[in-house]
Amino acid sequence: MVLPIRMGSGIRRRAVEALVRGKVLCATRRGAAGTGAQLGRDAIVSDAPEVLAAELARVLTSEGVRRAMERRAARLGIERFAASIAVEPLARCLGVGEPRPATPEVTALVSYA
């Protein structure tokens, strides 16, 4: 997923979806804002077009690098954006029963606005 966003604020739904689904995210800092993704670890994040291009070429030409980044991206996405992260505090606040833990399959189906 490529998100070369230069203006705006807030978390980008597409960036979250890419991470949760274990896809390589290639974005400017604004495009990846709020995701916690870091250059070379979970995603390709830079405001310099030449860095984005070089890192994307490296990831696309090395299956091992790509797969490792996809695994880390999925882990980050699920740790930060799983439905249970939002539901558990809300359930405690409302005093309702324990929510079921999110699974990767369920988490990928959740729509983030």
Protein backbone atom coordinates (compact mmCIF):
# COMPACT_ATOMS: atom_id res chain seq x y z
CA MET A 1 0.00 0.00 0.00
CA VAL A 2 1.51 3.33 -1.04
CA LEU A 3 0.30 6.46 0.79
CA PRO A 4 2.29 9.53 -0.33
CA ILE A 5 0.14 11.94 1.72
CA ARG A 6 1.59 15.40 2.24
CA MET A 7 -1.28 17.20 4.02
CA GLY A 8 -3.84 16.36 6.68
CA SER A 9 -3.88 14.79 10.09
CA GLY A 10 -5.17 11.75 11.91
CA ILE A 11 -4.80 8.04 11.39
CA ARG A 12 -5.31 6.83 7.84
CA ARG A 13 -7.74 3.93 7.58
CA ARG A 14 -5.81 2.51 4.63
CA ALA A 15 -2.55 2.52 6.58
CA VAL A 16 -4.20 0.62 9.44
CA GLU A 17 -5.77 -1.86 7.01
CA ALA A 18 -2.41 -2.48 5.32
CA LEU A 19 -0.72 -3.20 8.65
CA VAL A 20 -3.48 -5.43 10.02
CA ARG A 21 -3.58 -7.40 6.78
CA GLY A 22 0.21 -7.84 6.83
CA LYS A 23 0.91 -5.79 3.70
CA VAL A 24 3.94 -3.59 3.19
CA LEU A 25 3.06 0.02 3.91
CA CYS A 26 5.03 2.64 1.96
CA ALA A 27 4.07 6.08 3.22
CA THR A 28 5.12 9.57 4.10
CA ARG A 29 5.20 10.40 7.80
CA ARG A 30 1.73 11.94 7.48
CA GLY A 31 0.45 8.83 5.72
CA ALA A 32 1.71 6.61 8.53
CA ALA A 33 0.86 9.05 11.33
CA GLY A 34 -0.55 7.37 14.41
CA THR A 35 0.30 3.84 13.30
CA GLY A 36 3.60 3.53 15.13
CA ALA A 37 5.22 2.11 11.98
CA GLN A 38 8.96 2.69 11.67
CA LEU A 39 11.19 2.83 8.60
CA GLY A 40 12.65 -0.54 7.74
CA ARG A 41 11.01 -2.36 10.63
CA ASP A 42 7.24 -2.49 10.03
CA ALA A 43 6.91 -0.22 7.00
CA ILE A 44 8.64 2.14 4.63
CA VAL A 45 8.14 5.59 6.12
CA SER A 46 9.88 8.72 4.86
CA ASP A 47 9.10 12.15 3.46
CA ALA A 48 11.98 11.88 0.98
CA PRO A 49 10.81 10.46 -2.38
CA GLU A 50 14.25 8.97 -3.07
CA VAL A 51 14.19 7.07 0.24
CA LEU A 52 10.66 5.77 -0.41
CA ALA A 53 11.70 4.62 -3.91
CA ALA A 54 14.94 2.96 -2.78
CA GLU A 55 13.32 1.18 0.16
CA LEU A 56 10.35 0.05 -1.91
CA ALA A 57 12.69 -1.34 -4.58
CA ARG A 58 14.65 -3.19 -1.87
CA VAL A 59 11.50 -4.73 -0.41
CA LEU A 60 10.04 -5.67 -3.79
CA THR A 61 13.24 -7.36 -4.96
CA SER A 62 13.91 -9.37 -1.81
CA GLU A 63 11.25 -11.88 -0.84
CA GLY A 64 12.87 -12.47 2.56
CA VAL A 65 12.90 -8.76 3.41
CA ARG A 66 9.31 -8.37 2.19
CA ARG A 67 7.99 -11.34 4.17
CA ALA A 68 9.78 -10.23 7.35
CA MET A 69 8.36 -6.72 7.02
CA GLU A 70 4.87 -8.11 6.37
CA ARG A 71 5.06 -10.26 9.54
CA ARG A 72 6.18 -7.30 11.64
CA ALA A 73 3.51 -5.08 10.07
CA ALA A 74 0.76 -7.59 10.87
CA ARG A 75 2.00 -7.92 14.46
CA LEU A 76 2.06 -4.13 14.89
CA GLY A 77 -1.37 -3.74 13.30
CA ILE A 78 -2.98 -6.35 15.52
CA GLU A 79 -1.24 -5.12 18.68
CA ARG A 80 -2.27 -1.50 18.10
CA PHE A 81 -5.58 -1.75 16.26
CA ALA A 82 -7.28 -5.01 17.25
CA ALA A 83 -10.97 -4.53 17.98
CA SER A 84 -10.43 -5.73 21.56
CA ILE A 85 -8.18 -2.73 22.25
CA ALA A 86 -11.14 -0.40 21.76
CA VAL A 87 -13.85 -2.73 23.05
CA GLU A 88 -12.30 -3.72 26.39
CA PRO A 89 -12.03 -0.19 27.84
CA LEU A 90 -15.51 0.62 26.55
CA ALA A 91 -16.95 -2.57 28.10
CA ARG A 92 -15.31 -1.74 31.45
CA CYS A 93 -16.66 1.80 31.29
CA LEU A 94 -20.17 0.55 30.56
CA GLY A 95 -19.89 -2.27 33.10
CA VAL A 96 -20.81 -5.00 30.63
CA GLY A 97 -19.41 -8.54 30.29
CA GLU A 98 -15.97 -9.44 29.11
CA PRO A 99 -15.55 -9.05 25.34
CA ARG A 100 -14.17 -11.93 23.34
CA PRO A 101 -10.49 -11.58 22.39
CA ALA A 102 -9.84 -10.56 18.81
CA THR A 103 -8.28 -13.01 16.42
CA PRO A 104 -6.32 -12.02 13.30
CA GLU A 105 -9.19 -13.28 11.14
CA VAL A 106 -11.78 -11.18 12.97
CA THR A 107 -9.49 -8.16 13.28
CA ALA A 108 -8.94 -8.05 9.52
CA LEU A 109 -12.69 -7.76 9.00
CA VAL A 110 -13.12 -4.80 11.32
CA SER A 111 -13.59 -1.51 9.49
CA TYR A 112 -11.59 1.37 10.92
CA ALA A 113 -13.02 4.83 10.24
